[in-house]
Amino acid sequence: MVSQRQSLLPSRDSITHKFQIMGHEGYLTIGLFENGQPGEVFVKMSKEGSTLSGLMQAFCRAFSLALQYGLPLEEAVRRFKDMRFEPMGTTGNPDIPEAKSIIDYVARYLESQFSESDVRAGMRC
């Protein structure tokens, strides 16, 4: 069976969240489908052009496509949470005081903002 890609509207609601992990600053933007479910993820790191920034762009592109082809958010969170690599450490977010990596932080943030029942119902927490 071939999955069909669900595209987002040209104009869509989104959430933008500023974060930092051990002095590495970034912005997480989550584009939402009409039903409020995440459909794309972007991470913009402060050091544009760096290897870290490029890898994050590639991760976000793949993650966004996976969501648009039907990957359940809960499954993505389960797979990406606890990934461990630099930068890691303290954050400025009291709800996520420590992150094992930027990808771990993104997964934990998505988990904190979108509960399983609300994602299915299309509602943001």
PDB file of N, CA and C in Angstrom:
ATOM      1  N   MET A   1       0.837  -1.182   0.000  1.00  0.00           N
ATOM      2  CA  MET A   1       0.000   0.000   0.000  1.00  0.00           C
ATOM      3  C   MET A   1       0.882   1.245   0.000  1.00  0.00           C
ATOM      4  N   VAL A   2       0.588   2.177  -0.863  1.00  0.00           N
ATOM      5  CA  VAL A   2       1.340   3.422  -0.956  1.00  0.00           C
ATOM      6  C   VAL A   2       0.581   4.502  -0.197  1.00  0.00           C
ATOM      7  N   SER A   3       1.273   5.185   0.702  1.00  0.00           N
ATOM      8  CA  SER A   3       0.653   6.262   1.470  1.00  0.00           C
ATOM      9  C   SER A   3       0.528   7.505   0.612  1.00  0.00           C
ATOM     10  N   GLN A   4      -0.488   8.297   0.899  1.00  0.00           N
ATOM     11  CA  GLN A   4      -0.688   9.568   0.230  1.00  0.00           C
ATOM     12  C   GLN A   4      -0.193  10.678   1.144  1.00  0.00           C
ATOM     13  N   ARG A   5       0.516  11.613   0.567  1.00  0.00           N
ATOM     14  CA  ARG A   5       1.021  12.748   1.327  1.00  0.00           C
ATOM     15  C   ARG A   5      -0.099  13.741   1.570  1.00  0.00           C
ATOM     16  N   GLN A   6      -0.253  14.163   2.813  1.00  0.00           N
ATOM     17  CA  GLN A   6      -1.221  15.188   3.175  1.00  0.00           C
ATOM     18  C   GLN A   6      -0.460  16.506   3.268  1.00  0.00           C
ATOM     19  N   SER A   7      -0.693  17.400   2.327  1.00  0.00           N
ATOM     20  CA  SER A   7       0.000  18.681   2.314  1.00  0.00           C
ATOM     21  C   SER A   7      -0.687  19.672   3.235  1.00  0.00           C
ATOM     22  N   LEU A   8       0.095  20.598   3.759  1.00  0.00           N
ATOM     23  CA  LEU A   8      -0.454  21.670   4.570  1.00  0.00           C
ATOM     24  C   LEU A   8      -0.968  22.773   3.654  1.00  0.00           C
ATOM     25  N   LEU A   9      -1.891  23.573   4.173  1.00  0.00           N
ATOM     26  CA  LEU A   9      -2.392  24.708   3.413  1.00  0.00           C
ATOM     27  C   LEU A   9      -1.266  25.712   3.190  1.00  0.00           C
ATOM     28  N   PRO A  10      -1.339  26.500   2.118  1.00  0.00           N
ATOM     29  CA  PRO A  10      -0.296  27.518   1.884  1.00  0.00           C
ATOM     30  C   PRO A  10      -0.157  28.507   3.053  1.00  0.00           C
ATOM     31  N   SER A  11      -1.275  28.870   3.684  1.00  0.00           N
ATOM     32  CA  SER A  11      -1.255  29.688   4.897  1.00  0.00           C
ATOM     33  C   SER A  11      -1.765  28.809   6.027  1.00  0.00           C
ATOM     34  N   ARG A  12      -0.973  28.673   7.096  1.00  0.00           N
ATOM     35  CA  ARG A  12      -1.323  27.747   8.168  1.00  0.00           C
ATOM     36  C   ARG A  12      -0.958  28.331   9.514  1.00  0.00           C
ATOM     37  N   ASP A  13      -1.597  27.838  10.546  1.00  0.00           N
ATOM     38  CA  ASP A  13      -1.237  28.206  11.911  1.00  0.00           C
ATOM     39  C   ASP A  13       0.063  27.505  12.263  1.00  0.00           C
ATOM     40  N   SER A  14       0.805  28.102  13.189  1.00  0.00           N
ATOM     41  CA  SER A  14       2.045  27.484  13.648  1.00  0.00           C
ATOM     42  C   SER A  14       2.358  27.955  15.064  1.00  0.00           C
ATOM     43  N   ILE A  15       3.271  27.242  15.679  1.00  0.00           N
ATOM     44  CA  ILE A  15       3.795  27.587  16.997  1.00  0.00           C
ATOM     45  C   ILE A  15       5.287  27.810  16.808  1.00  0.00           C
ATOM     46  N   THR A  16       5.811  28.911  17.331  1.00  0.00           N
ATOM     47  CA  THR A  16       7.251  29.137  17.314  1.00  0.00           C
ATOM     48  C   THR A  16       7.721  29.247  18.756  1.00  0.00           C
ATOM     49  N   HIS A  17       8.771  28.502  19.074  1.00  0.00           N
ATOM     50  CA  HIS A  17       9.279  28.395  20.440  1.00  0.00           C
ATOM     51  C   HIS A  17      10.789  28.632  20.438  1.00  0.00           C
ATOM     52  N   LYS A  18      11.242  29.625  21.185  1.00  0.00           N
ATOM     53  CA  LYS A  18      12.675  29.884  21.335  1.00  0.00           C
ATOM     54  C   LYS A  18      13.218  28.960  22.424  1.00  0.00           C
ATOM     55  N   PHE A  19      14.390  28.370  22.155  1.00  0.00           N
ATOM     56  CA  PHE A  19      14.995  27.468  23.141  1.00  0.00           C
ATOM     57  C   PHE A  19      16.507  27.658  23.165  1.00  0.00           C
ATOM     58  N   GLN A  20      17.123  27.119  24.198  1.00  0.00           N
ATOM     59  CA  GLN A  20      18.577  27.078  24.277  1.00  0.00           C
ATOM     60  C   GLN A  20      18.975  25.817  25.033  1.00  0.00           C
ATOM     61  N   ILE A  21      20.066  25.233  24.561  1.00  0.00           N
ATOM     62  CA  ILE A  21      20.646  24.061  25.214  1.00  0.00           C
ATOM     63  C   ILE A  21      22.127  24.353  25.378  1.00  0.00           C
ATOM     64  N   MET A  22      22.558  24.531  26.607  1.00  0.00           N
ATOM     65  CA  MET A  22      23.963  24.814  26.926  1.00  0.00           C
ATOM     66  C   MET A  22      24.529  25.943  26.057  1.00  0.00           C
ATOM     67  N   GLY A  23      23.763  27.025  25.945  1.00  0.00           N
ATOM     68  CA  GLY A  23      24.225  28.194  25.208  1.00  0.00           C
ATOM     69  C   GLY A  23      23.986  28.148  23.712  1.00  0.00           C
ATOM     70  N   HIS A  24      23.529  27.044  23.177  1.00  0.00           N
ATOM     71  CA  HIS A  24      23.185  26.947  21.751  1.00  0.00           C
ATOM     72  C   HIS A  24      21.730  27.366  21.610  1.00  0.00           C
ATOM     73  N   GLU A  25      21.506  28.510  20.964  1.00  0.00           N
ATOM     74  CA  GLU A  25      20.169  29.062  20.829  1.00  0.00           C
ATOM     75  C   GLU A  25      19.524  28.614  19.525  1.00  0.00           C
ATOM     76  N   GLY A  26      18.214  28.420  19.582  1.00  0.00           N
ATOM     77  CA  GLY A  26      17.490  28.045  18.380  1.00  0.00           C
ATOM     78  C   GLY A  26      16.026  28.388  18.488  1.00  0.00           C
ATOM     79  N   TYR A  27      15.338  28.240  17.368  1.00  0.00           N
ATOM     80  CA  TYR A  27      13.895  28.447  17.290  1.00  0.00           C
ATOM     81  C   TYR A  27      13.277  27.197  16.692  1.00  0.00           C
ATOM     82  N   LEU A  28      12.258  26.696  17.352  1.00  0.00           N
ATOM     83  CA  LEU A  28      11.496  25.546  16.881  1.00  0.00           C
ATOM     84  C   LEU A  28      10.154  26.067  16.372  1.00  0.00           C
ATOM     85  N   THR A  29       9.836  25.798  15.111  1.00  0.00           N
ATOM     86  CA  THR A  29       8.548  26.180  14.547  1.00  0.00           C
ATOM     87  C   THR A  29       7.817  24.921  14.117  1.00  0.00           C
ATOM     88  N   ILE A  30       6.571  24.803  14.552  1.00  0.00           N
ATOM     89  CA  ILE A  30       5.737  23.644  14.245  1.00  0.00           C
ATOM     90  C   ILE A  30       4.554  24.140  13.417  1.00  0.00           C
ATOM     91  N   GLY A  31       4.518  23.760  12.143  1.00  0.00           N
ATOM     92  CA  GLY A  31       3.393  24.093  11.277  1.00  0.00           C
ATOM     93  C   GLY A  31       2.274  23.107  11.511  1.00  0.00           C
ATOM     94  N   LEU A  32       1.043  23.605  11.542  1.00  0.00           N
ATOM     95  CA  LEU A  32      -0.103  22.772  11.907  1.00  0.00           C
ATOM     96  C   LEU A  32      -1.041  22.537  10.729  1.00  0.00           C
ATOM     97  N   PHE A  33      -1.538  21.296  10.664  1.00  0.00           N
ATOM     98  CA  PHE A  33      -2.624  20.991   9.743  1.00  0.00           C
ATOM     99  C   PHE A  33      -3.869  21.750  10.208  1.00  0.00           C
ATOM    100  N   GLU A  34      -4.902  21.790   9.372  1.00  0.00           N
ATOM    101  CA  GLU A  34      -6.157  22.473   9.727  1.00  0.00           C
ATOM    102  C   GLU A  34      -6.745  21.959  11.035  1.00  0.00           C
ATOM    103  N   ASN A  35      -6.529  20.676  11.348  1.00  0.00           N
ATOM    104  CA  ASN A  35      -7.089  20.091  12.563  1.00  0.00           C
ATOM    105  C   ASN A  35      -6.218  20.331  13.801  1.00  0.00           C
ATOM    106  N   GLY A  36      -5.140  21.109  13.663  1.00  0.00           N
ATOM    107  CA  GLY A  36      -4.272  21.417  14.798  1.00  0.00           C
ATOM    108  C   GLY A  36      -3.158  20.419  15.032  1.00  0.00           C
ATOM    109  N   GLN A  37      -3.079  19.384  14.218  1.00  0.00           N
ATOM    110  CA  GLN A  37      -2.036  18.366  14.351  1.00  0.00           C
ATOM    111  C   GLN A  37      -0.752  18.853  13.698  1.00  0.00           C
ATOM    112  N   PRO A  38       0.413  18.585  14.302  1.00  0.00           N
ATOM    113  CA  PRO A  38       1.678  18.983  13.674  1.00  0.00           C
ATOM    114  C   PRO A  38       1.861  18.328  12.304  1.00  0.00           C
ATOM    115  N   GLY A  39       2.269  19.149  11.334  1.00  0.00           N
ATOM    116  CA  GLY A  39       2.478  18.636   9.983  1.00  0.00           C
ATOM    117  C   GLY A  39       3.846  18.972   9.431  1.00  0.00           C
ATOM    118  N   GLU A  40       4.560  19.856  10.125  1.00  0.00           N
ATOM    119  CA  GLU A  40       5.930  20.171   9.724  1.00  0.00           C
ATOM    120  C   GLU A  40       6.672  20.704  10.936  1.00  0.00           C
ATOM    121  N   VAL A  41       7.983  20.494  10.918  1.00  0.00           N
ATOM    122  CA  VAL A  41       8.837  20.922  12.020  1.00  0.00           C
ATOM    123  C   VAL A  41      10.069  21.586  11.423  1.00  0.00           C
ATOM    124  N   PHE A  42      10.392  22.769  11.939  1.00  0.00           N
ATOM    125  CA  PHE A  42      11.603  23.476  11.529  1.00  0.00           C
ATOM    126  C   PHE A  42      12.397  23.851  12.766  1.00  0.00           C
ATOM    127  N   VAL A  43      13.707  23.681  12.699  1.00  0.00           N
ATOM    128  CA  VAL A  43      14.597  24.154  13.753  1.00  0.00           C
ATOM    129  C   VAL A  43      15.607  25.079  13.105  1.00  0.00           C
ATOM    130  N   LYS A  44      15.663  26.293  13.592  1.00  0.00           N
ATOM    131  CA  LYS A  44      16.621  27.292  13.103  1.00  0.00           C
ATOM    132  C   LYS A  44      17.637  27.522  14.213  1.00  0.00           C
ATOM    133  N   MET A  45      18.892  27.169  13.940  1.00  0.00           N
ATOM    134  CA  MET A  45      19.956  27.345  14.926  1.00  0.00           C
ATOM    135  C   MET A  45      20.644  28.684  14.711  1.00  0.00           C
ATOM    136  N   SER A  46      21.207  29.220  15.784  1.00  0.00           N
ATOM    137  CA  SER A  46      21.802  30.559  15.720  1.00  0.00           C
ATOM    138  C   SER A  46      23.031  30.625  14.820  1.00  0.00           C
ATOM    139  N   LYS A  47      23.749  29.532  14.663  1.00  0.00           N
ATOM    140  CA  LYS A  47      24.948  29.534  13.816  1.00  0.00           C
ATOM    141  C   LYS A  47      24.602  29.000  12.433  1.00  0.00           C
ATOM    142  N   GLU A  48      24.044  29.872  11.598  1.00  0.00           N
ATOM    143  CA  GLU A  48      23.647  29.495  10.241  1.00  0.00           C
ATOM    144  C   GLU A  48      24.882  29.060   9.445  1.00  0.00           C
ATOM    145  N   GLY A  49      24.730  28.011   8.660  1.00  0.00           N
ATOM    146  CA  GLY A  49      25.833  27.520   7.845  1.00  0.00           C
ATOM    147  C   GLY A  49      26.698  26.489   8.545  1.00  0.00           C
ATOM    148  N   SER A  50      26.470  26.267   9.827  1.00  0.00           N
ATOM    149  CA  SER A  50      27.262  25.278  10.554  1.00  0.00           C
ATOM    150  C   SER A  50      26.791  23.870  10.198  1.00  0.00           C
ATOM    151  N   THR A  51      27.636  22.906  10.495  1.00  0.00           N
ATOM    152  CA  THR A  51      27.263  21.505  10.274  1.00  0.00           C
ATOM    153  C   THR A  51      26.023  21.167  11.077  1.00  0.00           C
ATOM    154  N   LEU A  52      25.967  21.617  12.327  1.00  0.00           N
ATOM    155  CA  LEU A  52      24.814  21.357  13.185  1.00  0.00           C
ATOM    156  C   LEU A  52      23.540  21.912  12.560  1.00  0.00           C
ATOM    157  N   SER A  53      23.591  23.129  12.060  1.00  0.00           N
ATOM    158  CA  SER A  53      22.431  23.752  11.433  1.00  0.00           C
ATOM    159  C   SER A  53      21.984  22.961  10.203  1.00  0.00           C
ATOM    160  N   GLY A  54      22.928  22.549   9.386  1.00  0.00           N
ATOM    161  CA  GLY A  54      22.604  21.771   8.193  1.00  0.00           C
ATOM    162  C   GLY A  54      21.987  20.429   8.521  1.00  0.00           C
ATOM    163  N   LEU A  55      22.528  19.745   9.518  1.00  0.00           N
ATOM    164  CA  LEU A  55      21.969  18.455   9.922  1.00  0.00           C
ATOM    165  C   LEU A  55      20.564  18.620  10.497  1.00  0.00           C
ATOM    166  N   MET A  56      20.336  19.695  11.243  1.00  0.00           N
ATOM    167  CA  MET A  56      19.004  19.936  11.784  1.00  0.00           C
ATOM    168  C   MET A  56      18.005  20.208  10.666  1.00  0.00           C
ATOM    169  N   GLN A  57      18.422  20.941   9.628  1.00  0.00           N
ATOM    170  CA  GLN A  57      17.532  21.183   8.492  1.00  0.00           C
ATOM    171  C   GLN A  57      17.168  19.872   7.799  1.00  0.00           C
ATOM    172  N   ALA A  58      18.142  18.996   7.630  1.00  0.00           N
ATOM    173  CA  ALA A  58      17.879  17.699   6.992  1.00  0.00           C
ATOM    174  C   ALA A  58      16.935  16.849   7.856  1.00  0.00           C
ATOM    175  N   PHE A  59      17.184  16.821   9.161  1.00  0.00           N
ATOM    176  CA  PHE A  59      16.309  16.087  10.084  1.00  0.00           C
ATOM    177  C   PHE A  59      14.877  16.612   9.986  1.00  0.00           C
ATOM    178  N   CYS A  60      14.726  17.937  10.013  1.00  0.00           N
ATOM    179  CA  CYS A  60      13.388  18.543   9.986  1.00  0.00           C
ATOM    180  C   CYS A  60      12.660  18.253   8.678  1.00  0.00           C
ATOM    181  N   ARG A  61      13.365  18.292   7.586  1.00  0.00           N
ATOM    182  CA  ARG A  61      12.739  17.989   6.297  1.00  0.00           C
ATOM    183  C   ARG A  61      12.217  16.547   6.282  1.00  0.00           C
ATOM    184  N   ALA A  62      13.046  15.605   6.737  1.00  0.00           N
ATOM    185  CA  ALA A  62      12.640  14.201   6.776  1.00  0.00           C
ATOM    186  C   ALA A  62      11.491  13.985   7.772  1.00  0.00           C
ATOM    187  N   PHE A  63      11.571  14.620   8.938  1.00  0.00           N
ATOM    188  CA  PHE A  63      10.541  14.495   9.960  1.00  0.00           C
ATOM    189  C   PHE A  63       9.218  15.053   9.443  1.00  0.00           C
ATOM    190  N   SER A  64       9.253  16.209   8.797  1.00  0.00           N
ATOM    191  CA  SER A  64       8.044  16.830   8.256  1.00  0.00           C
ATOM    192  C   SER A  64       7.400  15.932   7.201  1.00  0.00           C
ATOM    193  N   LEU A  65       8.203  15.397   6.297  1.00  0.00           N
ATOM    194  CA  LEU A  65       7.658  14.484   5.280  1.00  0.00           C
ATOM    195  C   LEU A  65       7.037  13.253   5.927  1.00  0.00           C
ATOM    196  N   ALA A  66       7.689  12.715   6.950  1.00  0.00           N
ATOM    197  CA  ALA A  66       7.143  11.538   7.637  1.00  0.00           C
ATOM    198  C   ALA A  66       5.785  11.862   8.262  1.00  0.00           C
ATOM    199  N   LEU A  67       5.658  13.017   8.901  1.00  0.00           N
ATOM    200  CA  LEU A  67       4.364  13.419   9.472  1.00  0.00           C
ATOM    201  C   LEU A  67       3.307  13.567   8.378  1.00  0.00           C
ATOM    202  N   GLN A  68       3.689  14.145   7.244  1.00  0.00           N
ATOM    203  CA  GLN A  68       2.747  14.358   6.146  1.00  0.00           C
ATOM    204  C   GLN A  68       2.332  13.053   5.472  1.00  0.00           C
ATOM    205  N   TYR A  69       3.161  12.022   5.600  1.00  0.00           N
ATOM    206  CA  TYR A  69       2.809  10.710   5.056  1.00  0.00           C
ATOM    207  C   TYR A  69       2.167   9.810   6.106  1.00  0.00           C
ATOM    208  N   GLY A  70       1.866  10.370   7.287  1.00  0.00           N
ATOM    209  CA  GLY A  70       1.072   9.617   8.252  1.00  0.00           C
ATOM    210  C   GLY A  70       1.793   9.055   9.458  1.00  0.00           C
ATOM    211  N   LEU A  71       3.063   9.372   9.666  1.00  0.00           N
ATOM    212  CA  LEU A  71       3.741   8.889  10.864  1.00  0.00           C
ATOM    213  C   LEU A  71       3.030   9.449  12.090  1.00  0.00           C
ATOM    214  N   PRO A  72       2.552   8.589  13.004  1.00  0.00           N
ATOM    215  CA  PRO A  72       1.916   9.102  14.213  1.00  0.00           C
ATOM    216  C   PRO A  72       2.926   9.880  15.070  1.00  0.00           C
ATOM    217  N   LEU A  73       2.503  11.023  15.575  1.00  0.00           N
ATOM    218  CA  LEU A  73       3.381  11.855  16.394  1.00  0.00           C
ATOM    219  C   LEU A  73       3.918  11.080  17.593  1.00  0.00           C
ATOM    220  N   GLU A  74       3.083  10.255  18.206  1.00  0.00           N
ATOM    221  CA  GLU A  74       3.518   9.477  19.371  1.00  0.00           C
ATOM    222  C   GLU A  74       4.675   8.552  19.024  1.00  0.00           C
ATOM    223  N   GLU A  75       4.643   7.974  17.834  1.00  0.00           N
ATOM    224  CA  GLU A  75       5.725   7.089  17.388  1.00  0.00           C
ATOM    225  C   GLU A  75       7.008   7.885  17.163  1.00  0.00           C
ATOM    226  N   ALA A  76       6.886   9.053  16.552  1.00  0.00           N
ATOM    227  CA  ALA A  76       8.065   9.904  16.338  1.00  0.00           C
ATOM    228  C   ALA A  76       8.676  10.308  17.670  1.00  0.00           C
ATOM    229  N   VAL A  77       7.849  10.733  18.606  1.00  0.00           N
ATOM    230  CA  VAL A  77       8.348  11.129  19.929  1.00  0.00           C
ATOM    231  C   VAL A  77       9.063   9.957  20.577  1.00  0.00           C
ATOM    232  N   ARG A  78       8.472   8.780  20.517  1.00  0.00           N
ATOM    233  CA  ARG A  78       9.086   7.590  21.127  1.00  0.00           C
ATOM    234  C   ARG A  78      10.467   7.304  20.528  1.00  0.00           C
ATOM    235  N   ARG A  79      10.603   7.476  19.221  1.00  0.00           N
ATOM    236  CA  ARG A  79      11.869   7.171  18.535  1.00  0.00           C
ATOM    237  C   ARG A  79      12.941   8.240  18.760  1.00  0.00           C
ATOM    238  N   PHE A  80      12.528   9.520  18.844  1.00  0.00           N
ATOM    239  CA  PHE A  80      13.500  10.612  18.924  1.00  0.00           C
ATOM    240  C   PHE A  80      13.848  11.015  20.353  1.00  0.00           C
ATOM    241  N   LYS A  81      12.965  10.725  21.287  1.00  0.00           N
ATOM    242  CA  LYS A  81      13.217  11.073  22.683  1.00  0.00           C
ATOM    243  C   LYS A  81      14.400  10.258  23.204  1.00  0.00           C
ATOM    244  N   ASP A  82      15.254  10.895  23.965  1.00  0.00           N
ATOM    245  CA  ASP A  82      16.427  10.280  24.598  1.00  0.00           C
ATOM    246  C   ASP A  82      17.599  10.064  23.653  1.00  0.00           C
ATOM    247  N   MET A  83      17.542  10.556  22.402  1.00  0.00           N
ATOM    248  CA  MET A  83      18.728  10.508  21.537  1.00  0.00           C
ATOM    249  C   MET A  83      19.786  11.388  22.180  1.00  0.00           C
ATOM    250  N   ARG A  84      21.008  10.892  22.247  1.00  0.00           N
ATOM    251  CA  ARG A  84      22.041  11.569  23.023  1.00  0.00           C
ATOM    252  C   ARG A  84      23.241  11.945  22.156  1.00  0.00           C
ATOM    253  N   PHE A  85      23.473  13.263  22.021  1.00  0.00           N
ATOM    254  CA  PHE A  85      24.680  13.786  21.375  1.00  0.00           C
ATOM    255  C   PHE A  85      24.760  15.277  21.656  1.00  0.00           C
ATOM    256  N   GLU A  86      25.910  15.863  21.421  1.00  0.00           N
ATOM    257  CA  GLU A  86      26.131  17.295  21.683  1.00  0.00           C
ATOM    258  C   GLU A  86      25.394  18.152  20.663  1.00  0.00           C
ATOM    259  N   PRO A  87      24.927  19.332  21.047  1.00  0.00           N
ATOM    260  CA  PRO A  87      24.963  19.850  22.413  1.00  0.00           C
ATOM    261  C   PRO A  87      23.881  19.199  23.269  1.00  0.00           C
ATOM    262  N   MET A  88      24.220  19.012  24.535  1.00  0.00           N
ATOM    263  CA  MET A  88      23.290  18.462  25.521  1.00  0.00           C
ATOM    264  C   MET A  88      23.480  19.215  26.818  1.00  0.00           C
ATOM    265  N   GLY A  89      22.502  19.129  27.695  1.00  0.00           N
ATOM    266  CA  GLY A  89      22.624  19.765  29.002  1.00  0.00           C
ATOM    267  C   GLY A  89      21.401  20.573  29.368  1.00  0.00           C
ATOM    268  N   THR A  90      21.641  21.590  30.186  1.00  0.00           N
ATOM    269  CA  THR A  90      20.545  22.383  30.721  1.00  0.00           C
ATOM    270  C   THR A  90      19.903  23.239  29.633  1.00  0.00           C
ATOM    271  N   THR A  91      18.624  23.498  29.836  1.00  0.00           N
ATOM    272  CA  THR A  91      17.856  24.334  28.923  1.00  0.00           C
ATOM    273  C   THR A  91      17.277  25.504  29.707  1.00  0.00           C
ATOM    274  N   GLY A  92      16.666  26.421  29.036  1.00  0.00           N
ATOM    275  CA  GLY A  92      15.977  27.515  29.699  1.00  0.00           C
ATOM    276  C   GLY A  92      14.509  27.219  29.930  1.00  0.00           C
ATOM    277  N   ASN A  93      14.063  25.994  29.693  1.00  0.00           N
ATOM    278  CA  ASN A  93      12.660  25.612  29.786  1.00  0.00           C
ATOM    279  C   ASN A  93      12.420  24.824  31.072  1.00  0.00           C
ATOM    280  N   PRO A  94      11.651  25.375  32.020  1.00  0.00           N
ATOM    281  CA  PRO A  94      11.410  24.647  33.272  1.00  0.00           C
ATOM    282  C   PRO A  94      10.659  23.326  33.078  1.00  0.00           C
ATOM    283  N   ASP A  95       9.909  23.196  31.974  1.00  0.00           N
ATOM    284  CA  ASP A  95       9.207  21.936  31.697  1.00  0.00           C
ATOM    285  C   ASP A  95      10.142  20.863  31.144  1.00  0.00           C
ATOM    286  N   ILE A  96      11.269  21.295  30.560  1.00  0.00           N
ATOM    287  CA  ILE A  96      12.273  20.378  30.005  1.00  0.00           C
ATOM    288  C   ILE A  96      13.635  20.894  30.489  1.00  0.00           C
ATOM    289  N   PRO A  97      13.978  20.691  31.750  1.00  0.00           N
ATOM    290  CA  PRO A  97      15.194  21.301  32.302  1.00  0.00           C
ATOM    291  C   PRO A  97      16.502  20.757  31.728  1.00  0.00           C
ATOM    292  N   GLU A  98      16.492  19.530  31.252  1.00  0.00           N
ATOM    293  CA  GLU A  98      17.685  18.905  30.675  1.00  0.00           C
ATOM    294  C   GLU A  98      17.319  18.275  29.335  1.00  0.00           C
ATOM    295  N   ALA A  99      18.223  18.397  28.371  1.00  0.00           N
ATOM    296  CA  ALA A  99      18.021  17.749  27.071  1.00  0.00           C
ATOM    297  C   ALA A  99      19.271  16.955  26.727  1.00  0.00           C
ATOM    298  N   LYS A 100      19.086  15.780  26.170  1.00  0.00           N
ATOM    299  CA  LYS A 100      20.206  14.923  25.775  1.00  0.00           C
ATOM    300  C   LYS A 100      20.727  15.274  24.390  1.00  0.00           C
ATOM    301  N   SER A 101      19.969  16.092  23.642  1.00  0.00           N
ATOM    302  CA  SER A 101      20.346  16.574  22.308  1.00  0.00           C
ATOM    303  C   SER A 101      19.249  17.535  21.848  1.00  0.00           C
ATOM    304  N   ILE A 102      19.466  18.193  20.742  1.00  0.00           N
ATOM    305  CA  ILE A 102      18.425  19.056  20.187  1.00  0.00           C
ATOM    306  C   ILE A 102      17.232  18.207  19.755  1.00  0.00           C
ATOM    307  N   ILE A 103      17.486  17.062  19.175  1.00  0.00           N
ATOM    308  CA  ILE A 103      16.390  16.184  18.743  1.00  0.00           C
ATOM    309  C   ILE A 103      15.600  15.685  19.941  1.00  0.00           C
ATOM    310  N   ASP A 104      16.267  15.349  21.028  1.00  0.00           N
ATOM    311  CA  ASP A 104      15.588  14.969  22.267  1.00  0.00           C
ATOM    312  C   ASP A 104      14.704  16.124  22.743  1.00  0.00           C
ATOM    313  N   TYR A 105      15.224  17.350  22.701  1.00  0.00           N
ATOM    314  CA  TYR A 105      14.452  18.520  23.126  1.00  0.00           C
ATOM    315  C   TYR A 105      13.199  18.689  22.256  1.00  0.00           C
ATOM    316  N   VAL A 106      13.355  18.587  20.939  1.00  0.00           N
ATOM    317  CA  VAL A 106      12.218  18.725  20.022  1.00  0.00           C
ATOM    318  C   VAL A 106      11.150  17.679  20.352  1.00  0.00           C
ATOM    319  N   ALA A 107      11.563  16.437  20.549  1.00  0.00           N
ATOM    320  CA  ALA A 107      10.610  15.368  20.863  1.00  0.00           C
ATOM    321  C   ALA A 107       9.896  15.647  22.186  1.00  0.00           C
ATOM    322  N   ARG A 108      10.639  16.067  23.191  1.00  0.00           N
ATOM    323  CA  ARG A 108      10.033  16.357  24.499  1.00  0.00           C
ATOM    324  C   ARG A 108       9.086  17.557  24.419  1.00  0.00           C
ATOM    325  N   TYR A 109       9.454  18.557  23.628  1.00  0.00           N
ATOM    326  CA  TYR A 109       8.579  19.715  23.481  1.00  0.00           C
ATOM    327  C   TYR A 109       7.277  19.307  22.786  1.00  0.00           C
ATOM    328  N   LEU A 110       7.379  18.542  21.702  1.00  0.00           N
ATOM    329  CA  LEU A 110       6.177  18.065  21.018  1.00  0.00           C
ATOM    330  C   LEU A 110       5.308  17.238  21.962  1.00  0.00           C
ATOM    331  N   GLU A 111       5.935  16.380  22.739  1.00  0.00           N
ATOM    332  CA  GLU A 111       5.192  15.563  23.700  1.00  0.00           C
ATOM    333  C   GLU A 111       4.486  16.448  24.725  1.00  0.00           C
ATOM    334  N   SER A 112       5.150  17.508  25.189  1.00  0.00           N
ATOM    335  CA  SER A 112       4.554  18.385  26.206  1.00  0.00           C
ATOM    336  C   SER A 112       3.399  19.220  25.653  1.00  0.00           C
ATOM    337  N   GLN A 113       3.419  19.513  24.366  1.00  0.00           N
ATOM    338  CA  GLN A 113       2.396  20.377  23.767  1.00  0.00           C
ATOM    339  C   GLN A 113       1.234  19.621  23.141  1.00  0.00           C
ATOM    340  N   PHE A 114       1.456  18.360  22.772  1.00  0.00           N
ATOM    341  CA  PHE A 114       0.437  17.588  22.067  1.00  0.00           C
ATOM    342  C   PHE A 114       0.270  16.237  22.738  1.00  0.00           C
ATOM    343  N   SER A 115      -0.773  16.108  23.552  1.00  0.00           N
ATOM    344  CA  SER A 115      -1.019  14.809  24.179  1.00  0.00           C
ATOM    345  C   SER A 115      -1.623  13.870  23.143  1.00  0.00           C
ATOM    346  N   GLU A 116      -1.542  12.582  23.398  1.00  0.00           N
ATOM    347  CA  GLU A 116      -2.026  11.575  22.439  1.00  0.00           C
ATOM    348  C   GLU A 116      -3.495  11.782  22.106  1.00  0.00           C
ATOM    349  N   SER A 117      -4.346  11.961  23.101  1.00  0.00           N
ATOM    350  CA  SER A 117      -5.777  12.109  22.832  1.00  0.00           C
ATOM    351  C   SER A 117      -6.065  13.414  22.104  1.00  0.00           C
ATOM    352  N   ASP A 118      -5.359  14.499  22.445  1.00  0.00           N
ATOM    353  CA  ASP A 118      -5.601  15.781  21.787  1.00  0.00           C
ATOM    354  C   ASP A 118      -5.095  15.781  20.356  1.00  0.00           C
ATOM    355  N   VAL A 119      -3.977  15.078  20.075  1.00  0.00           N
ATOM    356  CA  VAL A 119      -3.484  14.996  18.701  1.00  0.00           C
ATOM    357  C   VAL A 119      -4.505  14.285  17.833  1.00  0.00           C
ATOM    358  N   ARG A 120      -5.079  13.204  18.345  1.00  0.00           N
ATOM    359  CA  ARG A 120      -6.092  12.470  17.567  1.00  0.00           C
ATOM    360  C   ARG A 120      -7.331  13.326  17.319  1.00  0.00           C
ATOM    361  N   ALA A 121      -7.673  14.167  18.302  1.00  0.00           N
ATOM    362  CA  ALA A 121      -8.859  15.017  18.174  1.00  0.00           C
ATOM    363  C   ALA A 121      -8.541  16.307  17.408  1.00  0.00           C
ATOM    364  N   GLY A 122      -7.250  16.542  17.135  1.00  0.00           N
ATOM    365  CA  GLY A 122      -6.869  17.737  16.409  1.00  0.00           C
ATOM    366  C   GLY A 122      -6.811  18.975  17.286  1.00  0.00           C
ATOM    367  N   MET A 123      -6.580  18.801  18.565  1.00  0.00           N
ATOM    368  CA  MET A 123      -6.537  19.932  19.485  1.00  0.00           C
ATOM    369  C   MET A 123      -5.132  20.066  20.067  1.00  0.00           C
ATOM    370  N   ARG A 124      -4.671  21.320  20.217  1.00  0.00           N
ATOM    371  CA  ARG A 124      -3.397  21.585  20.883  1.00  0.00           C
ATOM    372  C   ARG A 124      -3.644  21.731  22.361  1.00  0.00           C
ATOM    373  N   CYS A 125      -2.725  21.200  23.173  1.00  0.00           N
ATOM    374  CA  CYS A 125      -2.842  21.333  24.625  1.00  0.00           C
ATOM    375  C   CYS A 125      -2.712  22.773  25.048  1.00  0.00           C
TER     376      CYS A 125
END
